[in-house]
Amino acid sequence: MSDDGGIPSIADTGVDLPATLRIAGLALERTESPPSLACWTGCFPESAGGDAAVVSLVVEPAAPPEEVALQLALDVVSSFDVFVDRAVRYCRTRLRERHFELTPEELSWLDLPELPLAGPEAVVWADRTWAIRFTESRFRLADPFGILVTFNGTQPVDVQGLEDEDEDEDEQ
């Protein structure tokens, strides 16, 4: 069985998942995902100076999103540029910490007017946590999956490089 978008619904639980969510004028379309979760993703149109930005809403276990998750997604979508700026400022400060092991050249990038972070994607989870992932960066820390800035409400609280966990296990 499938919904209007050709994506399987959760027939065994009787839950029909909407094909599209409209949040602050942005259409989030249901995307393929494991049966245990539901994910909707939408792109902001490209701005004059940058790439299209992506916002996703993830619900696990798979179910239609509750009002609190929709409200958080609305807040993120409505102030996306503000949150991206906060994430960049947070990275500019936190990445100076020794444990990130930036090279001298990478440390010098933190003083540039434009930090080498691009391709922001926001992910909002139904448990009211959320993050912005910069999919592109020259920082070694970003290889191969980007840099993730986690938020608590409206404030960034953590930053980490997203590595391939299988690769780490192979090296040990």
Protein backbone atom coordinates (compact mmCIF):
# COMPACT_ATOMS: atom_id res chain seq x y z
CA MET A 1 0.00 0.00 0.00
CA SER A 2 1.25 3.54 -0.65
CA ASP A 3 0.20 7.10 -0.06
CA ASP A 4 -0.22 9.72 -2.83
CA GLY A 5 3.54 10.08 -3.23
CA GLY A 6 4.14 6.39 -3.94
CA ILE A 7 5.86 5.89 -0.60
CA PRO A 8 4.73 2.91 1.48
CA SER A 9 2.50 3.70 4.42
CA ILE A 10 2.67 1.77 7.64
CA ALA A 11 -0.05 -0.71 6.85
CA ASP A 12 0.54 -3.00 9.81
CA THR A 13 -0.11 -0.23 12.33
CA GLY A 14 -2.91 1.40 10.36
CA VAL A 15 -1.03 4.72 10.36
CA ASP A 16 -1.26 6.81 7.20
CA LEU A 17 1.58 9.27 6.87
CA PRO A 18 1.03 12.51 4.96
CA ALA A 19 2.97 12.77 1.70
CA THR A 20 3.58 16.51 2.24
CA LEU A 21 3.86 18.81 5.25
CA ARG A 22 3.60 22.56 4.69
CA ILE A 23 5.57 24.58 7.20
CA ALA A 24 5.89 28.37 6.87
CA GLY A 25 5.42 28.16 3.11
CA LEU A 26 7.99 25.37 2.72
CA ALA A 27 6.76 22.02 1.41
CA LEU A 28 8.41 19.05 3.09
CA GLU A 29 7.90 15.88 1.06
CA ARG A 30 7.95 12.42 2.59
CA THR A 31 11.16 10.64 1.63
CA GLU A 32 12.11 6.98 1.56
CA SER A 33 13.24 5.82 4.97
CA PRO A 34 13.45 2.63 7.01
CA PRO A 35 10.02 1.43 8.19
CA SER A 36 10.91 2.37 11.78
CA LEU A 37 10.89 6.10 11.02
CA ALA A 38 9.19 8.73 8.92
CA CYS A 39 11.09 11.59 7.30
CA TRP A 40 9.92 14.67 5.42
CA THR A 41 12.42 16.92 3.62
CA GLY A 42 12.18 20.27 1.86
CA CYS A 43 14.57 22.74 0.25
CA PHE A 44 14.57 26.50 0.49
CA PRO A 45 15.07 28.11 -2.92
CA GLU A 46 18.67 29.05 -3.64
CA SER A 47 19.60 32.45 -2.31
CA ALA A 48 21.57 34.91 -4.43
CA GLY A 49 24.86 34.00 -2.78
CA GLY A 50 24.47 30.41 -1.73
CA ASP A 51 23.22 26.91 -2.09
CA ALA A 52 19.72 25.69 -1.49
CA ALA A 53 19.26 24.85 2.19
CA VAL A 54 17.55 21.68 3.35
CA VAL A 55 15.23 21.06 6.32
CA SER A 56 14.12 17.58 7.41
CA LEU A 57 11.65 16.44 10.06
CA VAL A 58 12.21 12.93 11.44
CA VAL A 59 9.70 10.96 13.53
CA GLU A 60 10.71 7.69 15.17
CA PRO A 61 8.85 5.42 15.53
CA ALA A 62 7.10 6.25 12.27
CA ALA A 63 3.97 8.31 12.86
CA PRO A 64 2.49 11.61 11.76
CA PRO A 65 4.38 14.44 13.51
CA GLU A 66 2.88 15.79 16.72
CA GLU A 67 2.13 19.48 17.20
CA VAL A 68 5.30 20.13 19.26
CA ALA A 69 7.52 18.73 16.50
CA LEU A 70 5.67 20.77 13.88
CA GLN A 71 6.07 23.91 16.01
CA LEU A 72 9.82 23.35 16.38
CA ALA A 73 10.10 22.75 12.62
CA LEU A 74 8.17 25.99 12.06
CA ASP A 75 10.56 27.89 14.35
CA VAL A 76 13.59 26.43 12.55
CA VAL A 77 12.19 27.13 9.07
CA SER A 78 11.07 30.66 10.02
CA SER A 79 14.48 31.64 11.43
CA PHE A 80 16.75 29.35 9.41
CA ASP A 81 19.25 32.05 8.41
CA VAL A 82 19.49 33.27 12.02
CA PHE A 83 20.20 29.74 13.25
CA VAL A 84 22.81 29.14 10.53
CA ASP A 85 24.55 32.37 11.59
CA ARG A 86 24.49 31.23 15.24
CA ALA A 87 25.91 27.85 14.25
CA VAL A 88 28.73 29.51 12.27
CA ARG A 89 29.59 31.85 15.17
CA TYR A 90 29.53 28.88 17.54
CA CYS A 91 31.90 26.94 15.27
CA ARG A 92 34.20 29.95 15.01
CA THR A 93 34.57 29.91 18.82
CA ARG A 94 34.42 26.20 19.69
CA LEU A 95 36.66 24.90 16.90
CA ARG A 96 39.56 26.80 18.49
CA GLU A 97 39.53 24.26 21.33
CA ARG A 98 42.59 22.02 21.36
CA HIS A 99 40.68 18.71 21.22
CA PHE A 100 39.47 19.50 17.68
CA GLU A 101 43.14 19.31 16.61
CA LEU A 102 42.91 21.90 13.84
CA THR A 103 46.07 22.58 11.89
CA PRO A 104 47.58 26.09 12.00
CA GLU A 105 46.12 26.73 8.55
CA GLU A 106 42.65 25.60 9.68
CA LEU A 107 42.90 27.80 12.77
CA SER A 108 43.64 30.77 10.51
CA TRP A 109 40.38 30.10 8.62
CA LEU A 110 38.48 30.84 11.85
CA ASP A 111 39.52 34.49 11.45
CA LEU A 112 38.29 34.81 7.85
CA PRO A 113 35.14 36.88 7.24
CA GLU A 114 33.54 33.81 5.63
CA LEU A 115 34.07 30.57 7.53
CA PRO A 116 34.52 27.61 5.13
CA LEU A 117 31.19 26.01 5.99
CA ALA A 118 28.48 25.48 3.36
CA GLY A 119 25.46 23.41 2.50
CA PRO A 120 23.52 23.86 5.75
CA GLU A 121 20.88 21.22 6.46
CA ALA A 122 18.61 21.31 9.50
CA VAL A 123 17.25 18.12 10.98
CA VAL A 124 14.41 18.32 13.50
CA TRP A 125 13.56 15.18 15.46
CA ALA A 126 10.17 14.50 17.02
CA ASP A 127 11.76 14.44 20.50
CA ARG A 128 12.34 18.21 20.08
CA THR A 129 16.08 17.96 19.49
CA TRP A 130 17.57 19.41 16.34
CA ALA A 131 20.80 20.24 14.59
CA ILE A 132 22.36 21.95 11.60
CA ARG A 133 24.80 19.93 9.52
CA PHE A 134 27.20 21.76 7.23
CA THR A 135 27.65 19.26 4.40
CA GLU A 136 30.64 21.04 2.87
CA SER A 137 33.79 22.34 4.50
CA ARG A 138 37.54 22.43 3.98
CA PHE A 139 38.11 21.46 7.63
CA ARG A 140 39.55 17.93 7.98
CA LEU A 141 37.05 17.46 10.81
CA ALA A 142 34.24 17.58 8.24
CA ASP A 143 35.51 14.59 6.28
CA PRO A 144 33.50 12.73 5.07
CA PHE A 145 30.02 13.69 6.31
CA GLY A 146 30.28 17.31 7.44
CA ILE A 147 30.13 19.20 10.71
CA LEU A 148 27.11 18.91 13.00
CA VAL A 149 26.03 21.71 15.35
CA THR A 150 23.44 20.53 17.89
CA PHE A 151 20.97 22.99 19.39
CA ASN A 152 19.08 23.13 22.66
CA GLY A 153 16.12 25.32 21.83
CA THR A 154 17.53 28.34 20.02
CA GLN A 155 21.15 28.04 21.19
CA PRO A 156 23.93 25.84 19.81
CA VAL A 157 25.34 23.52 22.48
CA ASP A 158 27.72 21.13 20.70
CA VAL A 159 29.78 20.75 17.54
CA GLN A 160 31.30 17.61 16.09
CA GLY A 161 32.77 16.26 12.90
CA LEU A 162 30.80 13.45 11.33
CA GLU A 163 33.08 10.55 10.54
CA ASP A 164 32.43 7.17 9.03
CA GLU A 165 32.08 4.98 12.14
CA ASP A 166 32.98 1.84 10.15
CA GLU A 167 36.22 3.52 9.08
CA ASP A 168 37.09 4.28 12.73
CA GLU A 169 36.48 0.66 13.71
CA ASP A 170 38.72 -0.56 10.87
CA GLU A 171 41.58 1.63 12.10
CA GLN A 172 41.46 0.22 15.64
